[in-house]
Protein backbone atom coordinates (compact mmCIF):
# COMPACT_ATOMS: atom_id res chain seq x y z
CA MET A 1 18.59 -1.40 14.57
CA ARG A 2 16.33 -2.46 11.73
CA MET A 3 17.83 -4.49 8.90
CA HIS A 4 16.70 -3.71 5.39
CA LYS A 5 15.48 -6.64 3.34
CA ILE A 6 16.83 -7.46 -0.11
CA ALA A 7 14.95 -9.29 -2.87
CA VAL A 8 15.89 -10.67 -6.29
CA ILE A 9 13.38 -11.19 -9.11
CA GLY A 10 14.04 -13.18 -12.26
CA ASP A 11 14.11 -16.58 -13.87
CA GLU A 12 14.97 -19.42 -11.49
CA ASP A 13 18.32 -20.26 -13.09
CA SER A 14 19.53 -16.68 -12.70
CA ILE A 15 18.40 -16.04 -9.12
CA LEU A 16 18.64 -19.38 -7.32
CA GLY A 17 22.17 -18.73 -6.05
CA PHE A 18 21.04 -15.61 -4.20
CA ARG A 19 19.02 -17.76 -1.81
CA ALA A 20 22.28 -19.17 -0.41
CA LEU A 21 23.27 -15.60 0.48
CA GLY A 22 20.12 -15.11 2.54
CA VAL A 23 18.43 -12.93 -0.05
CA SER A 24 14.72 -13.43 -0.72
CA VAL A 25 14.12 -14.72 -4.23
CA PHE A 26 10.99 -14.21 -6.31
CA PRO A 27 11.04 -16.49 -9.36
CA ALA A 28 9.20 -15.09 -12.38
CA LYS A 29 8.61 -16.74 -15.73
CA ASN A 30 7.66 -13.55 -17.61
CA GLY A 31 7.16 -9.81 -17.30
CA LYS A 32 3.69 -10.13 -15.78
CA GLU A 33 4.97 -12.36 -12.98
CA ALA A 34 7.97 -10.05 -12.50
CA GLU A 35 5.66 -7.04 -12.14
CA GLU A 36 3.53 -8.89 -9.58
CA ALA A 37 6.67 -9.90 -7.66
CA LEU A 38 8.04 -6.34 -7.75
CA ARG A 39 4.81 -4.86 -6.43
CA ALA A 40 4.58 -7.56 -3.73
CA ALA A 41 8.19 -7.00 -2.61
CA ALA A 42 7.65 -3.24 -2.49
CA ARG A 43 4.53 -3.70 -0.33
CA ARG A 44 6.51 -5.95 2.01
CA ASP A 45 9.08 -3.21 2.68
CA TYR A 46 12.04 -4.58 0.77
CA ALA A 47 14.59 -1.75 0.59
CA VAL A 48 16.58 -3.09 -2.37
CA ILE A 49 15.07 -5.14 -5.17
CA TYR A 50 17.26 -6.60 -7.90
CA ILE A 51 15.58 -7.71 -11.12
CA THR A 52 17.14 -9.50 -14.05
CA GLU A 53 17.52 -7.39 -17.18
CA THR A 54 15.33 -9.63 -19.31
CA HIS A 55 12.37 -9.14 -16.98
CA ALA A 56 13.22 -5.51 -16.29
CA SER A 57 13.08 -4.67 -19.98
CA GLU A 58 9.48 -5.96 -20.05
CA ILE A 59 8.33 -3.79 -17.14
CA ILE A 60 10.53 -0.71 -17.44
CA ASP A 61 7.56 1.63 -16.90
CA VAL A 62 6.71 -0.05 -13.59
CA ILE A 63 10.34 0.18 -12.49
CA THR A 64 10.34 3.87 -13.41
CA GLU A 65 7.31 4.39 -11.14
CA TYR A 66 9.34 3.15 -8.20
CA SER A 67 12.26 5.43 -9.07
CA GLN A 68 10.15 8.38 -7.91
CA ALA A 69 10.37 7.27 -4.26
CA PRO A 70 13.46 6.77 -2.09
CA LEU A 71 12.59 3.13 -1.35
CA PRO A 72 12.61 0.55 -2.67
CA VAL A 73 15.69 0.95 -4.81
CA VAL A 74 15.19 -1.20 -7.92
CA LEU A 75 18.38 -2.28 -9.68
CA THR A 76 18.87 -4.47 -12.72
CA ILE A 77 21.31 -7.35 -12.90
CA PRO A 78 22.34 -9.59 -15.80
CA ASP A 79 20.65 -12.95 -16.07
CA THR A 80 22.17 -16.21 -17.30
CA ARG A 81 22.12 -14.79 -20.85
CA GLY A 82 24.31 -11.84 -19.85
CA GLY A 83 23.68 -8.09 -19.85
CA GLN A 84 21.21 -6.65 -22.34
CA GLY A 85 21.33 -2.91 -21.66
CA ALA A 86 18.11 -2.64 -19.64
CA ALA A 87 19.92 -0.82 -16.85
CA MET A 88 21.13 1.88 -19.23
CA GLU A 89 17.66 2.17 -20.77
CA LYS A 90 16.18 2.70 -17.30
CA ILE A 91 18.68 5.45 -16.55
CA ARG A 92 18.10 7.08 -19.95
CA ARG A 93 14.31 7.10 -19.51
CA THR A 94 14.51 8.44 -15.95
CA VAL A 95 16.85 11.27 -17.00
CA GLU A 96 14.73 12.03 -20.07
CA LYS A 97 11.57 12.20 -17.97
CA ALA A 98 13.21 14.50 -15.43
CA LEU A 99 14.83 16.84 -17.96
CA GLY A 100 12.58 16.52 -21.02
CA ALA A 101 15.52 15.53 -23.22
CA ASP A 102 17.83 12.56 -23.58
CA ILE A 103 21.16 14.06 -22.58
CA LEU A 104 22.85 10.64 -22.55
CA PHE A 105 22.22 9.71 -26.18
CA GLY A 106 21.24 13.07 -27.67
CA ARG A 107 17.63 12.29 -28.55
CA GLU A 108 14.74 14.60 -27.75
CA GLY A 109 11.23 13.51 -26.99
CA ASN A 110 8.82 12.47 -24.31
CA ALA A 111 9.63 9.84 -21.74
């Protein structure tokens, strides 16, 4: 039986504790480093990739690219500053792209 790998991307303070759980951590100082880490983790067959909301909000388009495939599953988590709504924004943009309208917040437009 093959075990699926899990990764966490974000600032060091927010993700360091995940290492103790046996999860691979990819520290990133900014959105560019987070994007590089996300692409690297996806190439290395990580099935689930968590990314802190601060970094996710900077690379939402890249995260949306990965939502088109079954794996990896990319999920946002709060960082040490708390939740910022990036997860809801990702869901809104994905739904809007699929349906052509924002059914969650009632806005129309292009994703």
